Amino acid sequence: MVEDVIREAMERGEFDNLPGKGKPLDLTPDPLLDPLTAIVNRILRDNGASHPLIEARKTIEAEHETARNELVRAWRIHRASKSRDAWEQAVQTFRTRVKEINRQVRIFNLKTPSPALHGLAVDADAEIRRVTG
């Protein structure tokens, strides 16, 4: 509903004469932000990088996703071939990877400035139940 109102206003040209139209947004640094932090943030942004904690979180999430996908693939193979040894090996490999992921999560959590940013440990048993359920 709100989108319709905005679209109709745009069609009527109600946004055509706004100050700064066609100009880049003024993203001046926050006056309360430490100048060095502002410079680092600008350098990271200008070079397509992000904060190391954000990169670390992305890496952890990608490793978790890869481990889960490999477990799913192993479960499908197990169901098709009934190869119990291969499935047990896949579960053991998954548990080992989850231990490493959880170690990375603990290190990440020690580095984050706020508990609100903490990552959650992966529950290997719950993941296995989801896959086999």
N, C-alpha and C. Protein backbone atom coordinates (compact mmCIF):
# COMPACT_ATOMS: atom_id res chain seq x y z
N MET A 1 0.82 -1.18 0.00
CA MET A 1 0.00 0.00 0.00
C MET A 1 0.87 1.26 0.00
N VAL A 2 1.88 1.28 0.86
CA VAL A 2 2.78 2.43 0.93
C VAL A 2 3.54 2.57 -0.38
N GLU A 3 3.96 1.44 -0.93
CA GLU A 3 4.68 1.47 -2.20
C GLU A 3 3.82 2.07 -3.31
N ASP A 4 2.52 1.77 -3.29
CA ASP A 4 1.61 2.33 -4.30
C ASP A 4 1.52 3.84 -4.17
N VAL A 5 1.43 4.34 -2.94
CA VAL A 5 1.35 5.79 -2.70
C VAL A 5 2.62 6.46 -3.20
N ILE A 6 3.77 5.87 -2.90
CA ILE A 6 5.06 6.45 -3.34
C ILE A 6 5.14 6.42 -4.86
N ARG A 7 4.77 5.31 -5.46
CA ARG A 7 4.83 5.20 -6.93
C ARG A 7 3.94 6.24 -7.58
N GLU A 8 2.72 6.41 -7.05
CA GLU A 8 1.80 7.40 -7.61
C GLU A 8 2.36 8.82 -7.46
N ALA A 9 2.98 9.11 -6.32
CA ALA A 9 3.59 10.43 -6.11
C ALA A 9 4.73 10.65 -7.09
N MET A 10 5.51 9.61 -7.35
CA MET A 10 6.60 9.71 -8.32
C MET A 10 6.05 9.99 -9.72
N GLU A 11 4.97 9.30 -10.07
CA GLU A 11 4.36 9.49 -11.38
C GLU A 11 3.82 10.92 -11.55
N ARG A 12 3.35 11.51 -10.46
CA ARG A 12 2.86 12.88 -10.51
C ARG A 12 4.00 13.89 -10.48
N GLY A 13 5.24 13.43 -10.26
CA GLY A 13 6.40 14.31 -10.26
C GLY A 13 6.62 15.04 -8.95
N GLU A 14 6.08 14.53 -7.88
CA GLU A 14 6.20 15.21 -6.59
C GLU A 14 7.61 15.12 -6.00
N PHE A 15 8.45 14.27 -6.55
CA PHE A 15 9.81 14.15 -6.04
C PHE A 15 10.83 14.83 -6.98
N ASP A 16 10.35 15.45 -8.04
CA ASP A 16 11.26 16.00 -9.04
C ASP A 16 12.06 17.21 -8.58
N ASN A 17 11.54 18.00 -7.68
CA ASN A 17 12.21 19.23 -7.28
C ASN A 17 12.81 19.16 -5.88
N LEU A 18 13.16 18.00 -5.42
CA LEU A 18 13.75 17.87 -4.09
C LEU A 18 15.19 18.39 -4.12
N PRO A 19 15.63 19.03 -3.02
CA PRO A 19 17.02 19.50 -2.99
C PRO A 19 17.99 18.33 -3.07
N GLY A 20 19.02 18.47 -3.84
CA GLY A 20 20.04 17.44 -3.97
C GLY A 20 19.71 16.37 -4.99
N LYS A 21 18.59 16.53 -5.72
CA LYS A 21 18.23 15.52 -6.71
C LYS A 21 19.33 15.39 -7.76
N GLY A 22 19.72 14.15 -8.04
CA GLY A 22 20.74 13.90 -9.05
C GLY A 22 22.16 14.04 -8.52
N LYS A 23 22.30 14.36 -7.24
CA LYS A 23 23.63 14.50 -6.65
C LYS A 23 23.88 13.33 -5.71
N PRO A 24 25.15 12.98 -5.51
CA PRO A 24 25.44 11.87 -4.58
C PRO A 24 24.99 12.23 -3.16
N LEU A 25 24.65 11.21 -2.42
CA LEU A 25 24.27 11.42 -1.03
C LEU A 25 25.45 11.95 -0.24
N ASP A 26 25.18 12.84 0.70
CA ASP A 26 26.23 13.36 1.56
C ASP A 26 26.43 12.37 2.70
N LEU A 27 27.46 11.60 2.59
CA LEU A 27 27.76 10.58 3.60
C LEU A 27 28.94 11.02 4.47
N THR A 28 28.86 12.25 4.94
CA THR A 28 29.94 12.77 5.78
C THR A 28 30.06 11.90 7.01
N PRO A 29 31.26 11.78 7.51
CA PRO A 29 31.46 10.92 8.66
C PRO A 29 30.65 11.37 9.87
N ASP A 30 30.33 10.43 10.69
CA ASP A 30 29.63 10.68 11.94
C ASP A 30 30.55 11.53 12.83
N PRO A 31 30.08 12.67 13.32
CA PRO A 31 30.96 13.52 14.14
C PRO A 31 31.37 12.88 15.45
N LEU A 32 30.64 11.86 15.88
CA LEU A 32 30.98 11.19 17.13
C LEU A 32 31.95 10.03 16.92
N LEU A 33 32.23 9.71 15.65
CA LEU A 33 33.11 8.60 15.32
C LEU A 33 34.57 9.05 15.37
N ASP A 34 35.40 8.21 15.93
CA ASP A 34 36.83 8.47 15.97
C ASP A 34 37.33 8.71 14.54
N PRO A 35 38.11 9.78 14.30
CA PRO A 35 38.56 10.08 12.92
C PRO A 35 39.33 8.94 12.27
N LEU A 36 40.15 8.23 13.04
CA LEU A 36 40.90 7.11 12.46
C LEU A 36 39.94 6.01 12.01
N THR A 37 38.93 5.72 12.81
CA THR A 37 37.94 4.71 12.45
C THR A 37 37.20 5.14 11.18
N ALA A 38 36.87 6.42 11.08
CA ALA A 38 36.18 6.92 9.89
C ALA A 38 37.05 6.74 8.64
N ILE A 39 38.34 7.01 8.76
CA ILE A 39 39.26 6.84 7.63
C ILE A 39 39.35 5.38 7.23
N VAL A 40 39.50 4.50 8.22
CA VAL A 40 39.59 3.07 7.93
C VAL A 40 38.31 2.59 7.26
N ASN A 41 37.16 3.02 7.78
CA ASN A 41 35.88 2.61 7.18
C ASN A 41 35.78 3.09 5.73
N ARG A 42 36.21 4.32 5.47
CA ARG A 42 36.15 4.85 4.11
C ARG A 42 37.07 4.06 3.18
N ILE A 43 38.28 3.75 3.65
CA ILE A 43 39.23 2.98 2.83
C ILE A 43 38.65 1.59 2.52
N LEU A 44 38.10 0.95 3.53
CA LEU A 44 37.49 -0.36 3.31
C LEU A 44 36.35 -0.27 2.30
N ARG A 45 35.46 0.71 2.49
CA ARG A 45 34.31 0.87 1.60
C ARG A 45 34.76 1.17 0.17
N ASP A 46 35.73 2.08 0.03
CA ASP A 46 36.19 2.48 -1.31
C ASP A 46 36.87 1.33 -2.05
N ASN A 47 37.39 0.37 -1.33
CA ASN A 47 38.08 -0.75 -1.96
C ASN A 47 37.26 -2.04 -1.97
N GLY A 48 35.97 -1.91 -1.68
CA GLY A 48 35.08 -3.06 -1.76
C GLY A 48 35.29 -4.08 -0.67
N ALA A 49 35.88 -3.67 0.43
CA ALA A 49 36.11 -4.59 1.54
C ALA A 49 35.16 -4.23 2.68
N SER A 50 35.13 -5.08 3.65
CA SER A 50 34.31 -4.79 4.82
C SER A 50 35.13 -5.06 6.07
N HIS A 51 34.52 -4.81 7.19
CA HIS A 51 35.19 -4.98 8.48
C HIS A 51 35.62 -6.44 8.64
N PRO A 52 36.79 -6.66 9.24
CA PRO A 52 37.27 -8.04 9.41
C PRO A 52 36.29 -8.95 10.16
N LEU A 53 35.53 -8.42 11.10
CA LEU A 53 34.55 -9.24 11.81
C LEU A 53 33.43 -9.69 10.87
N ILE A 54 33.03 -8.82 9.97
CA ILE A 54 32.00 -9.19 9.01
C ILE A 54 32.53 -10.27 8.07
N GLU A 55 33.76 -10.10 7.62
CA GLU A 55 34.39 -11.11 6.76
C GLU A 55 34.52 -12.45 7.50
N ALA A 56 34.91 -12.40 8.78
CA ALA A 56 35.04 -13.64 9.57
C ALA A 56 33.70 -14.33 9.70
N ARG A 57 32.65 -13.56 9.96
CA ARG A 57 31.31 -14.16 10.09
C ARG A 57 30.88 -14.81 8.77
N LYS A 58 31.14 -14.13 7.65
CA LYS A 58 30.80 -14.70 6.34
C LYS A 58 31.54 -16.01 6.11
N THR A 59 32.81 -16.04 6.49
CA THR A 59 33.61 -17.25 6.31
C THR A 59 33.04 -18.40 7.14
N ILE A 60 32.70 -18.12 8.39
CA ILE A 60 32.13 -19.15 9.26
C ILE A 60 30.81 -19.66 8.69
N GLU A 61 29.96 -18.75 8.26
CA GLU A 61 28.67 -19.15 7.69
C GLU A 61 28.84 -19.98 6.42
N ALA A 62 29.82 -19.61 5.59
CA ALA A 62 30.07 -20.37 4.36
C ALA A 62 30.58 -21.77 4.68
N GLU A 63 31.46 -21.89 5.68
CA GLU A 63 31.96 -23.21 6.06
C GLU A 63 30.84 -24.08 6.61
N HIS A 64 29.96 -23.47 7.40
CA HIS A 64 28.82 -24.21 7.94
C HIS A 64 27.92 -24.70 6.82
N GLU A 65 27.63 -23.83 5.87
CA GLU A 65 26.78 -24.18 4.74
C GLU A 65 27.41 -25.30 3.90
N THR A 66 28.71 -25.22 3.66
CA THR A 66 29.40 -26.25 2.89
C THR A 66 29.35 -27.60 3.61
N ALA A 67 29.61 -27.59 4.91
CA ALA A 67 29.57 -28.83 5.69
C ALA A 67 28.17 -29.44 5.66
N ARG A 68 27.15 -28.60 5.81
CA ARG A 68 25.77 -29.09 5.80
C ARG A 68 25.44 -29.67 4.42
N ASN A 69 25.82 -28.98 3.34
CA ASN A 69 25.54 -29.47 2.00
C ASN A 69 26.21 -30.81 1.73
N GLU A 70 27.43 -30.97 2.22
CA GLU A 70 28.13 -32.25 2.04
C GLU A 70 27.45 -33.36 2.82
N LEU A 71 26.93 -33.03 4.00
CA LEU A 71 26.20 -34.03 4.78
C LEU A 71 24.91 -34.43 4.06
N VAL A 72 24.21 -33.47 3.51
CA VAL A 72 22.98 -33.76 2.75
C VAL A 72 23.30 -34.65 1.56
N ARG A 73 24.37 -34.34 0.85
CA ARG A 73 24.77 -35.15 -0.31
C ARG A 73 25.09 -36.58 0.13
N ALA A 74 25.82 -36.71 1.24
CA ALA A 74 26.17 -38.04 1.75
C ALA A 74 24.91 -38.81 2.16
N TRP A 75 23.93 -38.13 2.73
CA TRP A 75 22.69 -38.79 3.13
C TRP A 75 21.93 -39.29 1.90
N ARG A 76 21.90 -38.49 0.84
CA ARG A 76 21.23 -38.92 -0.39
C ARG A 76 21.92 -40.14 -0.99
N ILE A 77 23.24 -40.13 -0.98
CA ILE A 77 23.99 -41.28 -1.49
C ILE A 77 23.71 -42.50 -0.63
N HIS A 78 23.70 -42.31 0.68
CA HIS A 78 23.44 -43.41 1.61
C HIS A 78 22.06 -44.01 1.36
N ARG A 79 21.06 -43.15 1.16
CA ARG A 79 19.70 -43.66 0.94
C ARG A 79 19.60 -44.42 -0.37
N ALA A 80 20.39 -44.00 -1.37
CA ALA A 80 20.34 -44.66 -2.67
C ALA A 80 21.13 -45.97 -2.66
N SER A 81 22.25 -45.99 -1.95
CA SER A 81 23.13 -47.16 -2.01
C SER A 81 23.11 -48.00 -0.75
N LYS A 82 22.57 -47.46 0.33
CA LYS A 82 22.54 -48.15 1.64
C LYS A 82 23.94 -48.48 2.15
N SER A 83 24.92 -47.68 1.77
CA SER A 83 26.29 -47.87 2.22
C SER A 83 26.45 -47.25 3.60
N ARG A 84 26.37 -48.08 4.62
CA ARG A 84 26.41 -47.60 6.01
C ARG A 84 27.79 -47.05 6.35
N ASP A 85 28.85 -47.69 5.86
CA ASP A 85 30.21 -47.22 6.18
C ASP A 85 30.45 -45.81 5.66
N ALA A 86 30.01 -45.54 4.45
CA ALA A 86 30.20 -44.21 3.86
C ALA A 86 29.42 -43.17 4.66
N TRP A 87 28.19 -43.52 5.08
CA TRP A 87 27.39 -42.58 5.86
C TRP A 87 28.04 -42.30 7.22
N GLU A 88 28.51 -43.34 7.87
CA GLU A 88 29.17 -43.15 9.18
C GLU A 88 30.42 -42.30 9.03
N GLN A 89 31.16 -42.49 7.96
CA GLN A 89 32.34 -41.66 7.71
C GLN A 89 31.94 -40.21 7.46
N ALA A 90 30.86 -40.01 6.71
CA ALA A 90 30.37 -38.65 6.44
C ALA A 90 29.94 -37.96 7.73
N VAL A 91 29.27 -38.70 8.61
CA VAL A 91 28.84 -38.13 9.89
C VAL A 91 30.05 -37.76 10.73
N GLN A 92 31.04 -38.63 10.77
CA GLN A 92 32.25 -38.35 11.54
C GLN A 92 32.98 -37.12 10.98
N THR A 93 33.07 -37.03 9.67
CA THR A 93 33.69 -35.87 9.03
C THR A 93 32.91 -34.61 9.36
N PHE A 94 31.59 -34.69 9.34
CA PHE A 94 30.75 -33.54 9.67
C PHE A 94 30.98 -33.11 11.12
N ARG A 95 31.02 -34.05 12.03
CA ARG A 95 31.24 -33.71 13.44
C ARG A 95 32.61 -33.03 13.64
N THR A 96 33.61 -33.51 12.93
CA THR A 96 34.94 -32.90 13.02
C THR A 96 34.90 -31.46 12.50
N ARG A 97 34.22 -31.27 11.38
CA ARG A 97 34.11 -29.92 10.81
C ARG A 97 33.32 -29.00 11.73
N VAL A 98 32.27 -29.52 12.36
CA VAL A 98 31.47 -28.71 13.28
C VAL A 98 32.31 -28.30 14.49
N LYS A 99 33.17 -29.19 14.97
CA LYS A 99 34.05 -28.80 16.08
C LYS A 99 34.93 -27.62 15.69
N GLU A 100 35.46 -27.65 14.47
CA GLU A 100 36.30 -26.56 14.00
C GLU A 100 35.47 -25.28 13.80
N ILE A 101 34.28 -25.42 13.24
CA ILE A 101 33.41 -24.26 13.06
C ILE A 101 33.08 -23.64 14.42
N ASN A 102 32.75 -24.47 15.39
CA ASN A 102 32.42 -23.96 16.73
C ASN A 102 33.62 -23.30 17.39
N ARG A 103 34.81 -23.80 17.12
CA ARG A 103 36.02 -23.14 17.63
C ARG A 103 36.14 -21.75 17.02
N GLN A 104 35.88 -21.65 15.71
CA GLN A 104 35.92 -20.35 15.04
C GLN A 104 34.85 -19.41 15.58
N VAL A 105 33.68 -19.95 15.89
CA VAL A 105 32.59 -19.14 16.46
C VAL A 105 33.01 -18.59 17.82
N ARG A 106 33.64 -19.42 18.66
CA ARG A 106 34.08 -18.95 19.98
C ARG A 106 35.12 -17.83 19.84
N ILE A 107 36.06 -18.00 18.92
CA ILE A 107 37.07 -16.96 18.69
C ILE A 107 36.39 -15.68 18.19
N PHE A 108 35.46 -15.84 17.26
CA PHE A 108 34.72 -14.69 16.73
C PHE A 108 34.00 -13.97 17.86
N ASN A 109 33.35 -14.72 18.73
CA ASN A 109 32.59 -14.12 19.82
C ASN A 109 33.49 -13.36 20.79
N LEU A 110 34.71 -13.83 20.97
CA LEU A 110 35.65 -13.11 21.83
C LEU A 110 36.05 -11.76 21.23
N LYS A 111 36.02 -11.67 19.92
CA LYS A 111 36.45 -10.45 19.23
C LYS A 111 35.34 -9.43 19.06
N THR A 112 34.09 -9.86 19.14
CA THR A 112 32.99 -8.93 18.88
C THR A 112 32.79 -7.99 20.06
N PRO A 113 32.45 -6.74 19.76
CA PRO A 113 32.31 -5.75 20.82
C PRO A 113 31.02 -5.87 21.63
N SER A 114 30.05 -6.65 21.14
CA SER A 114 28.77 -6.73 21.82
C SER A 114 28.23 -8.15 21.74
N PRO A 115 27.64 -8.64 22.83
CA PRO A 115 27.02 -9.97 22.78
C PRO A 115 25.92 -10.07 21.73
N ALA A 116 25.33 -8.95 21.36
CA ALA A 116 24.28 -8.97 20.34
C ALA A 116 24.81 -9.42 18.99
N LEU A 117 26.13 -9.32 18.78
CA LEU A 117 26.75 -9.71 17.52
C LEU A 117 27.30 -11.13 17.53
N HIS A 118 27.22 -11.80 18.67
CA HIS A 118 27.80 -13.14 18.80
C HIS A 118 27.15 -14.13 17.84
N GLY A 119 27.97 -15.04 17.36
CA GLY A 119 27.48 -16.12 16.54
C GLY A 119 27.06 -17.28 17.43
N LEU A 120 26.24 -18.16 16.89
CA LEU A 120 25.78 -19.31 17.65
C LEU A 120 26.55 -20.55 17.23
N ALA A 121 26.84 -21.38 18.22
CA ALA A 121 27.52 -22.64 17.94
C ALA A 121 26.58 -23.54 17.14
N VAL A 122 27.17 -24.40 16.35
CA VAL A 122 26.41 -25.36 15.55
C VAL A 122 26.18 -26.61 16.39
N ASP A 123 24.96 -27.07 16.43
CA ASP A 123 24.61 -28.31 17.13
C ASP A 123 24.65 -29.43 16.10
N ALA A 124 25.72 -30.22 16.12
CA ALA A 124 25.91 -31.27 15.12
C ALA A 124 24.76 -32.27 15.14
N ASP A 125 24.33 -32.68 16.33
CA ASP A 125 23.25 -33.66 16.42
C ASP A 125 21.96 -33.12 15.81
N ALA A 126 21.64 -31.86 16.08
CA ALA A 126 20.43 -31.27 15.51
C ALA A 126 20.52 -31.19 13.99
N GLU A 127 21.69 -30.85 13.48
CA GLU A 127 21.88 -30.78 12.02
C GLU A 127 21.70 -32.16 11.39
N ILE A 128 22.26 -33.17 12.03
CA ILE A 128 22.14 -34.55 11.50
C ILE A 128 20.67 -34.99 11.51
N ARG A 129 19.95 -34.65 12.61
CA ARG A 129 18.52 -35.00 12.68
C ARG A 129 17.74 -34.29 11.57
N ARG A 130 18.06 -33.02 11.29
CA ARG A 130 17.37 -32.29 10.22
C ARG A 130 17.59 -32.97 8.87
N VAL A 131 18.82 -33.40 8.64
CA VAL A 131 19.15 -34.02 7.35
C VAL A 131 18.46 -35.38 7.21
N THR A 132 18.48 -36.15 8.27
CA THR A 132 17.95 -37.52 8.18
C THR A 132 16.45 -37.61 8.47
N GLY A 133 15.91 -36.53 9.02
CA GLY A 133 14.50 -36.50 9.46
C GLY A 133 13.56 -36.69 8.39
